[in-house]
C-alpha atoms as a PDB file:
ATOM      1  CA  MET A   1      -4.034 -23.781 -15.193  1.00  0.00           C
ATOM      2  CA  ALA A   2      -0.528 -25.280 -15.174  1.00  0.00           C
ATOM      3  CA  SER A   3       0.426 -23.061 -18.102  1.00  0.00           C
ATOM      4  CA  LEU A   4      -0.683 -19.920 -16.223  1.00  0.00           C
ATOM      5  CA  ILE A   5       1.259 -20.961 -13.118  1.00  0.00           C
ATOM      6  CA  GLU A   6       4.458 -21.677 -15.040  1.00  0.00           C
ATOM      7  CA  THR A   7       4.164 -18.498 -17.094  1.00  0.00           C
ATOM      8  CA  ALA A   8       3.645 -16.517 -13.887  1.00  0.00           C
ATOM      9  CA  LYS A   9       6.816 -18.055 -12.449  1.00  0.00           C
ATOM     10  CA  LEU A  10       8.728 -17.057 -15.572  1.00  0.00           C
ATOM     11  CA  GLN A  11       7.543 -13.480 -15.005  1.00  0.00           C
ATOM     12  CA  ASP A  12       8.663 -13.602 -11.316  1.00  0.00           C
ATOM     13  CA  ILE A  13       5.054 -13.502 -10.146  1.00  0.00           C
ATOM     14  CA  ASP A  14       3.976 -15.443  -7.058  1.00  0.00           C
ATOM     15  CA  SER A  15       1.315 -17.738  -8.482  1.00  0.00           C
ATOM     16  CA  LYS A  16      -0.965 -17.829  -5.410  1.00  0.00           C
ATOM     17  CA  PRO A  17      -1.939 -14.136  -5.278  1.00  0.00           C
ATOM     18  CA  TYR A  18      -1.937 -13.997  -9.078  1.00  0.00           C
ATOM     19  CA  LEU A  19      -4.370 -16.900  -9.426  1.00  0.00           C
ATOM     20  CA  ALA A  20      -6.514 -15.657  -6.549  1.00  0.00           C
ATOM     21  CA  ASP A  21      -6.830 -12.252  -8.205  1.00  0.00           C
ATOM     22  CA  ILE A  22      -7.552 -13.416 -11.740  1.00  0.00           C
ATOM     23  CA  LEU A  23      -9.976 -16.160 -10.669  1.00  0.00           C
ATOM     24  CA  SER A  24     -11.831 -13.646  -8.511  1.00  0.00           C
ATOM     25  CA  LYS A  25     -12.062 -11.261 -11.455  1.00  0.00           C
ATOM     26  CA  LEU A  26     -13.302 -14.003 -13.776  1.00  0.00           C
ATOM     27  CA  VAL A  27     -15.950 -15.188 -11.305  1.00  0.00           C
ATOM     28  CA  ASN A  28     -17.143 -11.616 -10.829  1.00  0.00           C
ATOM     29  CA  GLY A  29     -17.751 -11.034 -14.530  1.00  0.00           C
ATOM     30  CA  TRP A  30     -14.474  -9.781 -15.982  1.00  0.00           C
ATOM     31  CA  PRO A  31     -15.224  -8.588 -19.552  1.00  0.00           C
ATOM     32  CA  THR A  32     -14.135 -10.996 -22.282  1.00  0.00           C
ATOM     33  CA  ALA A  33     -12.759  -8.081 -24.300  1.00  0.00           C
ATOM     34  CA  LYS A  34     -10.240  -7.391 -21.508  1.00  0.00           C
ATOM     35  CA  ILE A  35      -9.124 -11.011 -20.921  1.00  0.00           C
ATOM     36  CA  ASP A  36      -5.596 -10.223 -22.167  1.00  0.00           C
ATOM     37  CA  GLU A  37      -5.094  -8.000 -19.111  1.00  0.00           C
ATOM     38  CA  LEU A  38      -5.236 -11.100 -16.903  1.00  0.00           C
ATOM     39  CA  LEU A  39      -2.305 -12.825 -18.573  1.00  0.00           C
ATOM     40  CA  PRO A  40       0.793 -12.903 -16.366  1.00  0.00           C
ATOM     41  CA  TRP A  41       2.895 -10.439 -18.369  1.00  0.00           C
ATOM     42  CA  ALA A  42       0.063  -7.884 -18.405  1.00  0.00           C
ATOM     43  CA  TRP A  43      -1.283  -8.561 -14.921  1.00  0.00           C
ATOM     44  CA  LEU A  44       1.415  -6.661 -13.017  1.00  0.00           C
ATOM     45  CA  SER A  45       0.398  -3.380 -14.601  1.00  0.00           C
ATOM     46  CA  THR A  46      -3.194  -3.890 -13.426  1.00  0.00           C
ATOM     47  CA  ALA A  47      -2.483  -5.674 -10.118  1.00  0.00           C
ATOM     48  CA  LYS A  48      -3.692  -4.153  -6.909  1.00  0.00           C
ATOM     49  CA  PRO A  49      -0.887  -2.453  -4.937  1.00  0.00           C
ATOM     50  CA  ALA A  50      -1.495  -4.715  -1.940  1.00  0.00           C
ATOM     51  CA  LEU A  51      -1.003  -7.850  -4.032  1.00  0.00           C
ATOM     52  CA  LEU A  52       2.168  -6.429  -5.507  1.00  0.00           C
ATOM     53  CA  HIS A  53       3.464  -5.532  -2.036  1.00  0.00           C
ATOM     54  CA  ASP A  54       2.726  -9.066  -0.803  1.00  0.00           C
ATOM     55  CA  GLN A  55       4.542 -10.520  -3.798  1.00  0.00           C
ATOM     56  CA  ILE A  56       7.621  -8.383  -3.163  1.00  0.00           C
ATOM     57  CA  CYS A  57       7.638  -9.299   0.524  1.00  0.00           C
ATOM     58  CA  HIS A  58       7.298 -12.988  -0.296  1.00  0.00           C
ATOM     59  CA  GLN A  59      10.240 -12.854  -2.701  1.00  0.00           C
ATOM     60  CA  PHE A  60      12.424 -11.346   0.023  1.00  0.00           C
ATOM     61  CA  GLY A  61      11.462 -14.003   2.560  1.00  0.00           C
ATOM     62  CA  GLY A  62       9.230 -12.038   4.894  1.00  0.00           C
ATOM     63  CA  SER A  63       5.599 -11.353   5.471  1.00  0.00           C
ATOM     64  CA  ALA A  64       4.013  -8.070   4.442  1.00  0.00           C
ATOM     65  CA  SER A  65       3.730  -7.024   8.088  1.00  0.00           C
ATOM     66  CA  GLU A  66       7.454  -7.651   8.748  1.00  0.00           C
ATOM     67  CA  ILE A  67       8.861  -5.648   5.863  1.00  0.00           C
ATOM     68  CA  SER A  68       8.626  -1.885   6.041  1.00  0.00           C
ATOM     69  CA  CYS A  69       8.519   0.496   3.135  1.00  0.00           C
ATOM     70  CA  ALA A  70      11.989   1.685   4.112  1.00  0.00           C
ATOM     71  CA  SER A  71      13.487  -1.779   3.766  1.00  0.00           C
ATOM     72  CA  LEU A  72      11.769  -2.297   0.421  1.00  0.00           C
ATOM     73  CA  ALA A  73      13.264   0.939  -0.834  1.00  0.00           C
ATOM     74  CA  SER A  74      16.792   0.085   0.249  1.00  0.00           C
ATOM     75  CA  ALA A  75      19.561  -0.058  -2.321  1.00  0.00           C
ATOM     76  CA  LYS A  76      19.833  -3.809  -1.839  1.00  0.00           C
ATOM     77  CA  THR A  77      16.277  -4.472  -3.035  1.00  0.00           C
ATOM     78  CA  SER A  78      15.559  -1.592  -5.397  1.00  0.00           C
ATOM     79  CA  SER A  79      16.776  -3.323  -8.574  1.00  0.00           C
ATOM     80  CA  ARG A  80      14.642  -6.429  -7.928  1.00  0.00           C
ATOM     81  CA  ILE A  81      11.594  -4.301  -7.110  1.00  0.00           C
ATOM     82  CA  THR A  82      12.076  -2.354 -10.339  1.00  0.00           C
ATOM     83  CA  ARG A  83      12.224  -5.642 -12.264  1.00  0.00           C
ATOM     84  CA  ILE A  84       9.021  -6.872 -10.574  1.00  0.00           C
ATOM     85  CA  VAL A  85       7.087  -3.655 -11.119  1.00  0.00           C
ATOM     86  CA  THR A  86       8.092  -3.039 -14.729  1.00  0.00           C
END
């Protein structure tokens, strides 16, 4: 568990939504053949948009309800968002 949390941090992933998502998937019968998709570096490409939005908002110090799409798309944040999404 500690290894997943630290690896998530290295990938700029907020560990709480990441762990909540992957543990939920595992409990609900995630296929063993697709377990690699739950690793932190692969998770972002399969993460739900809402989780990704929450992660971006958290990194910029606000809650999801306080940060509008317009502010997320501003020039100030666009490079960090690109790094998070890719």
